[in-house]
């Protein structure tokens, strides 16, 4: 069984979220870390999936893509406007209770 989550933080989430998650031992990268600001949503979702990373976003376009049965490594969608600390707490909790296998082609709403 595959355990743990690797995260891909979309550009509409403050990249400091990924920094703080890394400081807590969670495997997280941001679009900014990759130098890919402005890339298409389709490319971000495909790249995250290819990397085996769960996409973290507030962009509803990703929900539309997922509804069209596009396979992905998982999406965590923020329905609220969290401050950095709120995102970090929510994601840290999800990383503690979910596995990559749990997230495959699933969406979690926070």
PDB file of N, CA and C in Angstrom:
ATOM      1  N   UNK A   1       0.838  -1.177   0.000  1.00  0.00           N
ATOM      2  CA  UNK A   1       0.000   0.000   0.000  1.00  0.00           C
ATOM      3  C   UNK A   1       0.885   1.243   0.000  1.00  0.00           C
ATOM      4  N   UNK A   2       0.486   2.256  -0.772  1.00  0.00           N
ATOM      5  CA  UNK A   2       1.183   3.530  -0.828  1.00  0.00           C
ATOM      6  C   UNK A   2       0.727   4.367   0.370  1.00  0.00           C
ATOM      7  N   UNK A   3       1.673   4.961   1.086  1.00  0.00           N
ATOM      8  CA  UNK A   3       1.293   5.766   2.251  1.00  0.00           C
ATOM      9  C   UNK A   3       1.794   7.187   2.107  1.00  0.00           C
ATOM     10  N   UNK A   4       1.141   8.090   2.818  1.00  0.00           N
ATOM     11  CA  UNK A   4       1.546   9.488   2.821  1.00  0.00           C
ATOM     12  C   UNK A   4       1.065  10.242   1.593  1.00  0.00           C
ATOM     13  N   UNK A   5       1.070  11.551   1.719  1.00  0.00           N
ATOM     14  CA  UNK A   5       0.673  12.406   0.606  1.00  0.00           C
ATOM     15  C   UNK A   5       1.827  13.313   0.216  1.00  0.00           C
ATOM     16  N   UNK A   6       1.990  13.492  -1.069  1.00  0.00           N
ATOM     17  CA  UNK A   6       2.878  14.509  -1.616  1.00  0.00           C
ATOM     18  C   UNK A   6       1.968  15.568  -2.214  1.00  0.00           C
ATOM     19  N   UNK A   7       2.260  16.823  -1.953  1.00  0.00           N
ATOM     20  CA  UNK A   7       1.355  17.903  -2.330  1.00  0.00           C
ATOM     21  C   UNK A   7       1.943  18.815  -3.396  1.00  0.00           C
ATOM     22  N   UNK A   8       1.061  19.318  -4.253  1.00  0.00           N
ATOM     23  CA  UNK A   8       1.381  20.253  -5.329  1.00  0.00           C
ATOM     24  C   UNK A   8       0.491  21.476  -5.097  1.00  0.00           C
ATOM     25  N   UNK A   9       1.068  22.564  -4.620  1.00  0.00           N
ATOM     26  CA  UNK A   9       0.312  23.749  -4.242  1.00  0.00           C
ATOM     27  C   UNK A   9       0.164  24.668  -5.456  1.00  0.00           C
ATOM     28  N   UNK A  10      -1.076  24.843  -5.888  1.00  0.00           N
ATOM     29  CA  UNK A  10      -1.393  25.651  -7.059  1.00  0.00           C
ATOM     30  C   UNK A  10      -1.048  27.115  -6.813  1.00  0.00           C
ATOM     31  N   UNK A  11      -0.961  27.879  -7.894  1.00  0.00           N
ATOM     32  CA  UNK A  11      -0.538  29.269  -7.780  1.00  0.00           C
ATOM     33  C   UNK A  11      -1.565  30.175  -7.122  1.00  0.00           C
ATOM     34  N   UNK A  12      -2.797  29.714  -6.940  1.00  0.00           N
ATOM     35  CA  UNK A  12      -3.770  30.563  -6.250  1.00  0.00           C
ATOM     36  C   UNK A  12      -3.736  30.383  -4.733  1.00  0.00           C
ATOM     37  N   UNK A  13      -2.805  29.569  -4.250  1.00  0.00           N
ATOM     38  CA  UNK A  13      -2.549  29.386  -2.821  1.00  0.00           C
ATOM     39  C   UNK A  13      -1.174  30.006  -2.534  1.00  0.00           C
ATOM     40  N   UNK A  14      -1.062  30.733  -1.470  1.00  0.00           N
ATOM     41  CA  UNK A  14       0.204  31.372  -1.112  1.00  0.00           C
ATOM     42  C   UNK A  14       1.312  30.315  -1.021  1.00  0.00           C
ATOM     43  N   UNK A  15       2.438  30.511  -1.713  1.00  0.00           N
ATOM     44  CA  UNK A  15       3.521  29.516  -1.686  1.00  0.00           C
ATOM     45  C   UNK A  15       4.118  29.306  -0.294  1.00  0.00           C
ATOM     46  N   UNK A  16       3.864  30.225   0.614  1.00  0.00           N
ATOM     47  CA  UNK A  16       4.339  30.054   1.988  1.00  0.00           C
ATOM     48  C   UNK A  16       3.689  28.830   2.639  1.00  0.00           C
ATOM     49  N   UNK A  17       2.512  28.441   2.152  1.00  0.00           N
ATOM     50  CA  UNK A  17       1.864  27.222   2.662  1.00  0.00           C
ATOM     51  C   UNK A  17       2.789  26.030   2.433  1.00  0.00           C
ATOM     52  N   UNK A  18       3.336  25.895   1.225  1.00  0.00           N
ATOM     53  CA  UNK A  18       4.250  24.785   0.924  1.00  0.00           C
ATOM     54  C   UNK A  18       5.501  24.879   1.797  1.00  0.00           C
ATOM     55  N   UNK A  19       6.034  26.078   1.981  1.00  0.00           N
ATOM     56  CA  UNK A  19       7.222  26.248   2.829  1.00  0.00           C
ATOM     57  C   UNK A  19       6.966  25.771   4.247  1.00  0.00           C
ATOM     58  N   UNK A  20       5.833  26.176   4.814  1.00  0.00           N
ATOM     59  CA  UNK A  20       5.533  25.781   6.189  1.00  0.00           C
ATOM     60  C   UNK A  20       5.255  24.281   6.306  1.00  0.00           C
ATOM     61  N   UNK A  21       4.614  23.706   5.300  1.00  0.00           N
ATOM     62  CA  UNK A  21       4.387  22.257   5.321  1.00  0.00           C
ATOM     63  C   UNK A  21       5.719  21.510   5.282  1.00  0.00           C
ATOM     64  N   UNK A  22       6.640  21.970   4.431  1.00  0.00           N
ATOM     65  CA  UNK A  22       7.962  21.335   4.371  1.00  0.00           C
ATOM     66  C   UNK A  22       8.671  21.405   5.716  1.00  0.00           C
ATOM     67  N   UNK A  23       8.515  22.534   6.406  1.00  0.00           N
ATOM     68  CA  UNK A  23       9.171  22.678   7.711  1.00  0.00           C
ATOM     69  C   UNK A  23       8.585  21.704   8.735  1.00  0.00           C
ATOM     70  N   UNK A  24       7.409  21.157   8.440  1.00  0.00           N
ATOM     71  CA  UNK A  24       6.767  20.163   9.302  1.00  0.00           C
ATOM     72  C   UNK A  24       7.001  18.739   8.797  1.00  0.00           C
ATOM     73  N   UNK A  25       7.861  18.603   7.796  1.00  0.00           N
ATOM     74  CA  UNK A  25       8.206  17.287   7.288  1.00  0.00           C
ATOM     75  C   UNK A  25       7.263  16.732   6.242  1.00  0.00           C
ATOM     76  N   UNK A  26       6.402  17.575   5.676  1.00  0.00           N
ATOM     77  CA  UNK A  26       5.451  17.146   4.649  1.00  0.00           C
ATOM     78  C   UNK A  26       6.021  17.468   3.273  1.00  0.00           C
ATOM     79  N   UNK A  27       5.924  16.528   2.369  1.00  0.00           N
ATOM     80  CA  UNK A  27       6.433  16.680   1.008  1.00  0.00           C
ATOM     81  C   UNK A  27       5.492  17.593   0.218  1.00  0.00           C
ATOM     82  N   UNK A  28       5.869  18.856   0.089  1.00  0.00           N
ATOM     83  CA  UNK A  28       5.029  19.836  -0.597  1.00  0.00           C
ATOM     84  C   UNK A  28       5.891  20.726  -1.485  1.00  0.00           C
ATOM     85  N   UNK A  29       5.396  20.973  -2.687  1.00  0.00           N
ATOM     86  CA  UNK A  29       6.034  21.929  -3.592  1.00  0.00           C
ATOM     87  C   UNK A  29       4.961  22.885  -4.086  1.00  0.00           C
ATOM     88  N   UNK A  30       5.386  24.062  -4.478  1.00  0.00           N
ATOM     89  CA  UNK A  30       4.445  25.022  -5.042  1.00  0.00           C
ATOM     90  C   UNK A  30       4.772  25.241  -6.513  1.00  0.00           C
ATOM     91  N   UNK A  31       3.790  25.739  -7.224  1.00  0.00           N
ATOM     92  CA  UNK A  31       3.989  26.091  -8.627  1.00  0.00           C
ATOM     93  C   UNK A  31       5.138  27.097  -8.736  1.00  0.00           C
ATOM     94  N   UNK A  32       5.230  27.994  -7.775  1.00  0.00           N
ATOM     95  CA  UNK A  32       6.321  28.983  -7.775  1.00  0.00           C
ATOM     96  C   UNK A  32       7.673  28.284  -7.636  1.00  0.00           C
ATOM     97  N   UNK A  33       7.758  27.258  -6.749  1.00  0.00           N
ATOM     98  CA  UNK A  33       9.006  26.505  -6.586  1.00  0.00           C
ATOM     99  C   UNK A  33       9.463  25.920  -7.921  1.00  0.00           C
ATOM    100  N   UNK A  34       8.492  25.478  -8.711  1.00  0.00           N
ATOM    101  CA  UNK A  34       8.795  24.849  -9.996  1.00  0.00           C
ATOM    102  C   UNK A  34       9.029  25.862 -11.119  1.00  0.00           C
ATOM    103  N   UNK A  35       8.789  27.140 -10.846  1.00  0.00           N
ATOM    104  CA  UNK A  35       8.946  28.162 -11.873  1.00  0.00           C
ATOM    105  C   UNK A  35       7.900  28.078 -12.960  1.00  0.00           C
ATOM    106  N   UNK A  36       6.687  27.668 -12.578  1.00  0.00           N
ATOM    107  CA  UNK A  36       5.642  27.423 -13.569  1.00  0.00           C
ATOM    108  C   UNK A  36       4.411  28.307 -13.389  1.00  0.00           C
ATOM    109  N   UNK A  37       4.595  29.487 -12.822  1.00  0.00           N
ATOM    110  CA  UNK A  37       3.474  30.418 -12.696  1.00  0.00           C
ATOM    111  C   UNK A  37       2.911  30.731 -14.074  1.00  0.00           C
ATOM    112  N   UNK A  38       1.598  30.753 -14.192  1.00  0.00           N
ATOM    113  CA  UNK A  38       0.953  31.093 -15.450  1.00  0.00           C
ATOM    114  C   UNK A  38       0.722  29.927 -16.383  1.00  0.00           C
ATOM    115  N   UNK A  39       1.191  28.730 -16.021  1.00  0.00           N
ATOM    116  CA  UNK A  39       0.927  27.556 -16.865  1.00  0.00           C
ATOM    117  C   UNK A  39      -0.568  27.241 -16.809  1.00  0.00           C
ATOM    118  N   UNK A  40      -1.047  26.481 -17.767  1.00  0.00           N
ATOM    119  CA  UNK A  40      -2.482  26.176 -17.840  1.00  0.00           C
ATOM    120  C   UNK A  40      -2.902  25.237 -16.712  1.00  0.00           C
ATOM    121  N   UNK A  41      -4.169  25.326 -16.347  1.00  0.00           N
ATOM    122  CA  UNK A  41      -4.710  24.425 -15.324  1.00  0.00           C
ATOM    123  C   UNK A  41      -4.572  22.973 -15.749  1.00  0.00           C
ATOM    124  N   UNK A  42      -4.827  22.696 -17.017  1.00  0.00           N
ATOM    125  CA  UNK A  42      -4.709  21.315 -17.510  1.00  0.00           C
ATOM    126  C   UNK A  42      -3.286  20.794 -17.317  1.00  0.00           C
ATOM    127  N   UNK A  43      -2.297  21.632 -17.602  1.00  0.00           N
ATOM    128  CA  UNK A  43      -0.905  21.223 -17.415  1.00  0.00           C
ATOM    129  C   UNK A  43      -0.584  20.998 -15.945  1.00  0.00           C
ATOM    130  N   UNK A  44      -1.096  21.875 -15.079  1.00  0.00           N
ATOM    131  CA  UNK A  44      -0.848  21.708 -13.641  1.00  0.00           C
ATOM    132  C   UNK A  44      -1.444  20.394 -13.134  1.00  0.00           C
ATOM    133  N   UNK A  45      -2.676  20.104 -13.524  1.00  0.00           N
ATOM    134  CA  UNK A  45      -3.309  18.865 -13.053  1.00  0.00           C
ATOM    135  C   UNK A  45      -2.575  17.642 -13.578  1.00  0.00           C
ATOM    136  N   UNK A  46      -2.176  17.677 -14.838  1.00  0.00           N
ATOM    137  CA  UNK A  46      -1.443  16.542 -15.415  1.00  0.00           C
ATOM    138  C   UNK A  46      -0.075  16.384 -14.754  1.00  0.00           C
ATOM    139  N   UNK A  47       0.621  17.496 -14.550  1.00  0.00           N
ATOM    140  CA  UNK A  47       1.949  17.443 -13.933  1.00  0.00           C
ATOM    141  C   UNK A  47       1.852  16.905 -12.502  1.00  0.00           C
ATOM    142  N   UNK A  48       0.899  17.413 -11.745  1.00  0.00           N
ATOM    143  CA  UNK A  48       0.719  16.934 -10.372  1.00  0.00           C
ATOM    144  C   UNK A  48       0.460  15.434 -10.374  1.00  0.00           C
ATOM    145  N   UNK A  49      -0.379  14.982 -11.275  1.00  0.00           N
ATOM    146  CA  UNK A  49      -0.687  13.549 -11.374  1.00  0.00           C
ATOM    147  C   UNK A  49       0.551  12.751 -11.776  1.00  0.00           C
ATOM    148  N   UNK A  50       1.277  13.240 -12.772  1.00  0.00           N
ATOM    149  CA  UNK A  50       2.495  12.552 -13.219  1.00  0.00           C
ATOM    150  C   UNK A  50       3.519  12.447 -12.085  1.00  0.00           C
ATOM    151  N   UNK A  51       3.526  13.457 -11.212  1.00  0.00           N
ATOM    152  CA  UNK A  51       4.461  13.476 -10.087  1.00  0.00           C
ATOM    153  C   UNK A  51       3.921  12.712  -8.875  1.00  0.00           C
ATOM    154  N   UNK A  52       2.680  12.233  -8.982  1.00  0.00           N
ATOM    155  CA  UNK A  52       2.058  11.526  -7.858  1.00  0.00           C
ATOM    156  C   UNK A  52       1.716  12.457  -6.708  1.00  0.00           C
ATOM    157  N   UNK A  53       1.392  13.708  -7.033  1.00  0.00           N
ATOM    158  CA  UNK A  53       1.114  14.711  -6.011  1.00  0.00           C
ATOM    159  C   UNK A  53      -0.357  15.137  -6.042  1.00  0.00           C
ATOM    160  N   UNK A  54      -0.902  15.344  -4.866  1.00  0.00           N
ATOM    161  CA  UNK A  54      -2.264  15.837  -4.717  1.00  0.00           C
ATOM    162  C   UNK A  54      -2.244  17.350  -4.948  1.00  0.00           C
ATOM    163  N   UNK A  55      -3.126  17.824  -5.814  1.00  0.00           N
ATOM    164  CA  UNK A  55      -3.201  19.238  -6.153  1.00  0.00           C
ATOM    165  C   UNK A  55      -3.994  19.988  -5.079  1.00  0.00           C
ATOM    166  N   UNK A  56      -3.431  21.093  -4.578  1.00  0.00           N
ATOM    167  CA  UNK A  56      -4.074  21.945  -3.585  1.00  0.00           C
ATOM    168  C   UNK A  56      -4.494  23.223  -4.299  1.00  0.00           C
ATOM    169  N   UNK A  57      -5.784  23.566  -4.241  1.00  0.00           N
ATOM    170  CA  UNK A  57      -6.268  24.685  -5.038  1.00  0.00           C
ATOM    171  C   UNK A  57      -7.544  25.286  -4.471  1.00  0.00           C
ATOM    172  N   UNK A  58      -7.878  26.466  -4.981  1.00  0.00           N
ATOM    173  CA  UNK A  58      -9.181  27.094  -4.783  1.00  0.00           C
ATOM    174  C   UNK A  58      -9.805  27.408  -6.137  1.00  0.00           C
ATOM    175  N   UNK A  59      -9.227  26.913  -7.194  1.00  0.00           N
ATOM    176  CA  UNK A  59      -9.659  27.187  -8.560  1.00  0.00           C
ATOM    177  C   UNK A  59     -10.692  26.140  -8.985  1.00  0.00           C
ATOM    178  N   UNK A  60     -11.917  26.579  -9.207  1.00  0.00           N
ATOM    179  CA  UNK A  60     -13.012  25.669  -9.565  1.00  0.00           C
ATOM    180  C   UNK A  60     -12.809  24.958 -10.908  1.00  0.00           C
ATOM    181  N   UNK A  61     -11.936  25.490 -11.750  1.00  0.00           N
ATOM    182  CA  UNK A  61     -11.677  24.841 -13.037  1.00  0.00           C
ATOM    183  C   UNK A  61     -11.194  23.405 -12.842  1.00  0.00           C
ATOM    184  N   UNK A  62     -10.481  23.154 -11.750  1.00  0.00           N
ATOM    185  CA  UNK A  62      -9.992  21.803 -11.492  1.00  0.00           C
ATOM    186  C   UNK A  62     -11.143  20.858 -11.158  1.00  0.00           C
ATOM    187  N   UNK A  63     -12.182  21.382 -10.528  1.00  0.00           N
ATOM    188  CA  UNK A  63     -13.363  20.552 -10.236  1.00  0.00           C
ATOM    189  C   UNK A  63     -14.074  20.173 -11.528  1.00  0.00           C
ATOM    190  N   UNK A  64     -14.116  21.106 -12.468  1.00  0.00           N
ATOM    191  CA  UNK A  64     -14.728  20.829 -13.769  1.00  0.00           C
ATOM    192  C   UNK A  64     -13.946  19.734 -14.487  1.00  0.00           C
ATOM    193  N   UNK A  65     -12.624  19.849 -14.508  1.00  0.00           N
ATOM    194  CA  UNK A  65     -11.803  18.820 -15.169  1.00  0.00           C
ATOM    195  C   UNK A  65     -12.015  17.465 -14.520  1.00  0.00           C
ATOM    196  N   UNK A  66     -12.060  17.411 -13.209  1.00  0.00           N
ATOM    197  CA  UNK A  66     -12.257  16.150 -12.504  1.00  0.00           C
ATOM    198  C   UNK A  66     -13.636  15.567 -12.802  1.00  0.00           C
ATOM    199  N   UNK A  67     -14.634  16.431 -12.977  1.00  0.00           N
ATOM    200  CA  UNK A  67     -15.989  15.950 -13.264  1.00  0.00           C
ATOM    201  C   UNK A  67     -16.085  15.331 -14.656  1.00  0.00           C
ATOM    202  N   UNK A  68     -15.114  15.615 -15.484  1.00  0.00           N
ATOM    203  CA  UNK A  68     -15.072  15.045 -16.843  1.00  0.00           C
ATOM    204  C   UNK A  68     -14.257  13.762 -16.867  1.00  0.00           C
ATOM    205  N   UNK A  69     -14.110  13.160 -15.690  1.00  0.00           N
ATOM    206  CA  UNK A  69     -13.414  11.881 -15.526  1.00  0.00           C
ATOM    207  C   UNK A  69     -11.940  11.930 -15.895  1.00  0.00           C
ATOM    208  N   UNK A  70     -11.323  13.096 -15.796  1.00  0.00           N
ATOM    209  CA  UNK A  70      -9.885  13.177 -16.002  1.00  0.00           C
ATOM    210  C   UNK A  70      -9.208  12.587 -14.773  1.00  0.00           C
ATOM    211  N   UNK A  71      -8.397  11.582 -14.978  1.00  0.00           N
ATOM    212  CA  UNK A  71      -7.709  10.926 -13.873  1.00  0.00           C
ATOM    213  C   UNK A  71      -6.703  11.881 -13.242  1.00  0.00           C
ATOM    214  N   UNK A  72      -6.553  11.776 -11.913  1.00  0.00           N
ATOM    215  CA  UNK A  72      -5.617  12.640 -11.196  1.00  0.00           C
ATOM    216  C   UNK A  72      -5.208  11.958  -9.899  1.00  0.00           C
ATOM    217  N   UNK A  73      -4.174  12.498  -9.282  1.00  0.00           N
ATOM    218  CA  UNK A  73      -3.660  11.931  -8.027  1.00  0.00           C
ATOM    219  C   UNK A  73      -4.426  12.435  -6.820  1.00  0.00           C
ATOM    220  N   UNK A  74      -5.422  13.265  -7.043  1.00  0.00           N
ATOM    221  CA  UNK A  74      -6.249  13.803  -5.977  1.00  0.00           C
ATOM    222  C   UNK A  74      -6.238  15.314  -5.998  1.00  0.00           C
ATOM    223  N   UNK A  75      -7.321  15.885  -5.483  1.00  0.00           N
ATOM    224  CA  UNK A  75      -7.458  17.333  -5.395  1.00  0.00           C
ATOM    225  C   UNK A  75      -7.969  17.654  -4.000  1.00  0.00           C
ATOM    226  N   UNK A  76      -7.322  18.614  -3.361  1.00  0.00           N
ATOM    227  CA  UNK A  76      -7.842  19.175  -2.118  1.00  0.00           C
ATOM    228  C   UNK A  76      -8.261  20.589  -2.467  1.00  0.00           C
ATOM    229  N   UNK A  77      -9.557  20.834  -2.349  1.00  0.00           N
ATOM    230  CA  UNK A  77     -10.150  22.091  -2.793  1.00  0.00           C
ATOM    231  C   UNK A  77     -10.571  22.921  -1.593  1.00  0.00           C
ATOM    232  N   UNK A  78     -10.090  24.146  -1.535  1.00  0.00           N
ATOM    233  CA  UNK A  78     -10.442  25.057  -0.451  1.00  0.00           C
ATOM    234  C   UNK A  78     -11.703  25.821  -0.770  1.00  0.00           C
ATOM    235  N   UNK A  79     -12.722  25.623   0.043  1.00  0.00           N
ATOM    236  CA  UNK A  79     -13.983  26.326  -0.147  1.00  0.00           C
ATOM    237  C   UNK A  79     -14.038  27.628   0.641  1.00  0.00           C
ATOM    238  N   UNK A  80     -13.067  27.835   1.517  1.00  0.00           N
ATOM    239  CA  UNK A  80     -13.016  29.038   2.349  1.00  0.00           C
ATOM    240  C   UNK A  80     -11.732  29.808   2.046  1.00  0.00           C
ATOM    241  N   UNK A  81     -11.729  31.064   2.422  1.00  0.00           N
ATOM    242  CA  UNK A  81     -10.528  31.884   2.287  1.00  0.00           C
ATOM    243  C   UNK A  81      -9.688  31.727   3.551  1.00  0.00           C
ATOM    244  N   UNK A  82      -8.823  30.733   3.562  1.00  0.00           N
ATOM    245  CA  UNK A  82      -7.969  30.497   4.719  1.00  0.00           C
ATOM    246  C   UNK A  82      -6.741  31.388   4.680  1.00  0.00           C
ATOM    247  N   UNK A  83      -6.296  31.779   5.866  1.00  0.00           N
ATOM    248  CA  UNK A  83      -4.979  32.389   5.992  1.00  0.00           C
ATOM    249  C   UNK A  83      -3.966  31.255   5.872  1.00  0.00           C
ATOM    250  N   UNK A  84      -2.701  31.594   5.777  1.00  0.00           N
ATOM    251  CA  UNK A  84      -1.652  30.585   5.608  1.00  0.00           C
ATOM    252  C   UNK A  84      -1.742  29.522   6.701  1.00  0.00           C
ATOM    253  N   UNK A  85      -1.870  29.950   7.949  1.00  0.00           N
ATOM    254  CA  UNK A  85      -1.935  29.002   9.055  1.00  0.00           C
ATOM    255  C   UNK A  85      -3.118  28.058   8.964  1.00  0.00           C
ATOM    256  N   UNK A  86      -4.249  28.543   8.484  1.00  0.00           N
ATOM    257  CA  UNK A  86      -5.424  27.699   8.312  1.00  0.00           C
ATOM    258  C   UNK A  86      -5.191  26.609   7.282  1.00  0.00           C
ATOM    259  N   UNK A  87      -4.580  26.989   6.167  1.00  0.00           N
ATOM    260  CA  UNK A  87      -4.245  25.992   5.143  1.00  0.00           C
ATOM    261  C   UNK A  87      -3.294  24.941   5.702  1.00  0.00           C
ATOM    262  N   UNK A  88      -2.272  25.415   6.401  1.00  0.00           N
ATOM    263  CA  UNK A  88      -1.271  24.492   6.931  1.00  0.00           C
ATOM    264  C   UNK A  88      -1.918  23.503   7.892  1.00  0.00           C
ATOM    265  N   UNK A  89      -2.770  23.981   8.799  1.00  0.00           N
ATOM    266  CA  UNK A  89      -3.450  23.080   9.752  1.00  0.00           C
ATOM    267  C   UNK A  89      -4.324  22.052   9.029  1.00  0.00           C
ATOM    268  N   UNK A  90      -5.133  22.508   8.073  1.00  0.00           N
ATOM    269  CA  UNK A  90      -6.025  21.603   7.342  1.00  0.00           C
ATOM    270  C   UNK A  90      -5.234  20.544   6.566  1.00  0.00           C
ATOM    271  N   UNK A  91      -4.184  20.983   5.872  1.00  0.00           N
ATOM    272  CA  UNK A  91      -3.403  20.059   5.056  1.00  0.00           C
ATOM    273  C   UNK A  91      -2.591  19.101   5.912  1.00  0.00           C
ATOM    274  N   UNK A  92      -2.065  19.583   7.010  1.00  0.00           N
ATOM    275  CA  UNK A  92      -1.316  18.717   7.915  1.00  0.00           C
ATOM    276  C   UNK A  92      -2.224  17.602   8.443  1.00  0.00           C
ATOM    277  N   UNK A  93      -3.454  17.938   8.785  1.00  0.00           N
ATOM    278  CA  UNK A  93      -4.410  16.935   9.255  1.00  0.00           C
ATOM    279  C   UNK A  93      -4.705  15.908   8.158  1.00  0.00           C
ATOM    280  N   UNK A  94      -4.985  16.386   6.957  1.00  0.00           N
ATOM    281  CA  UNK A  94      -5.282  15.454   5.862  1.00  0.00           C
ATOM    282  C   UNK A  94      -4.093  14.548   5.558  1.00  0.00           C
ATOM    283  N   UNK A  95      -2.894  15.098   5.619  1.00  0.00           N
ATOM    284  CA  UNK A  95      -1.703  14.285   5.372  1.00  0.00           C
ATOM    285  C   UNK A  95      -1.523  13.214   6.451  1.00  0.00           C
ATOM    286  N   UNK A  96      -2.017  13.492   7.650  1.00  0.00           N
ATOM    287  CA  UNK A  96      -1.892  12.534   8.748  1.00  0.00           C
ATOM    288  C   UNK A  96      -2.894  11.391   8.638  1.00  0.00           C
ATOM    289  N   UNK A  97      -4.023  11.621   7.950  1.00  0.00           N
ATOM    290  CA  UNK A  97      -5.073  10.593   7.951  1.00  0.00           C
ATOM    291  C   UNK A  97      -5.330   9.945   6.592  1.00  0.00           C
ATOM    292  N   UNK A  98      -4.825  10.547   5.513  1.00  0.00           N
ATOM    293  CA  UNK A  98      -5.084  10.016   4.174  1.00  0.00           C
ATOM    294  C   UNK A  98      -3.805   9.489   3.529  1.00  0.00           C
ATOM    295  N   UNK A  99      -3.981   8.541   2.642  1.00  0.00           N
ATOM    296  CA  UNK A  99      -2.858   8.024   1.865  1.00  0.00           C
ATOM    297  C   UNK A  99      -3.024   8.449   0.406  1.00  0.00           C
ATOM    298  N   UNK A 100      -1.958   8.293  -0.355  1.00  0.00           N
ATOM    299  CA  UNK A 100      -2.022   8.571  -1.787  1.00  0.00           C
ATOM    300  C   UNK A 100      -3.085   7.695  -2.443  1.00  0.00           C
ATOM    301  N   UNK A 101      -3.193   6.473  -1.983  1.00  0.00           N
ATOM    302  CA  UNK A 101      -4.206   5.553  -2.513  1.00  0.00           C
ATOM    303  C   UNK A 101      -5.622   6.069  -2.226  1.00  0.00           C
ATOM    304  N   UNK A 102      -5.834   6.613  -1.026  1.00  0.00           N
ATOM    305  CA  UNK A 102      -7.134   7.194  -0.674  1.00  0.00           C
ATOM    306  C   UNK A 102      -7.514   8.330  -1.611  1.00  0.00           C
ATOM    307  N   UNK A 103      -6.543   9.111  -2.027  1.00  0.00           N
ATOM    308  CA  UNK A 103      -6.801  10.331  -2.790  1.00  0.00           C
ATOM    309  C   UNK A 103      -6.919  10.113  -4.291  1.00  0.00           C
ATOM    310  N   UNK A 104      -6.465   9.001  -4.809  1.00  0.00           N
ATOM    311  CA  UNK A 104      -6.483   8.764  -6.256  1.00  0.00           C
ATOM    312  C   UNK A 104      -7.879   9.031  -6.817  1.00  0.00           C
ATOM    313  N   UNK A 105      -7.986   9.998  -7.727  1.00  0.00           N
ATOM    314  CA  UNK A 105      -9.231  10.389  -8.409  1.00  0.00           C
ATOM    315  C   UNK A 105     -10.315  10.852  -7.451  1.00  0.00           C
ATOM    316  N   UNK A 106      -9.934  11.338  -6.272  1.00  0.00           N
ATOM    317  CA  UNK A 106     -10.892  11.860  -5.285  1.00  0.00           C
ATOM    318  C   UNK A 106     -10.649  13.343  -5.039  1.00  0.00           C
ATOM    319  N   UNK A 107     -11.682  13.978  -4.510  1.00  0.00           N
ATOM    320  CA  UNK A 107     -11.593  15.387  -4.133  1.00  0.00           C
ATOM    321  C   UNK A 107     -11.972  15.500  -2.667  1.00  0.00           C
ATOM    322  N   UNK A 108     -11.151  16.201  -1.904  1.00  0.00           N
ATOM    323  CA  UNK A 108     -11.464  16.525  -0.517  1.00  0.00           C
ATOM    324  C   UNK A 108     -11.725  18.030  -0.462  1.00  0.00           C
ATOM    325  N   UNK A 109     -12.784  18.408   0.228  1.00  0.00           N
ATOM    326  CA  UNK A 109     -13.114  19.819   0.381  1.00  0.00           C
ATOM    327  C   UNK A 109     -12.760  20.275   1.789  1.00  0.00           C
ATOM    328  N   UNK A 110     -12.063  21.412   1.877  1.00  0.00           N
ATOM    329  CA  UNK A 110     -11.704  21.958   3.192  1.00  0.00           C
ATOM    330  C   UNK A 110     -12.227  23.381   3.295  1.00  0.00           C
TER     331      UNK A 110
END
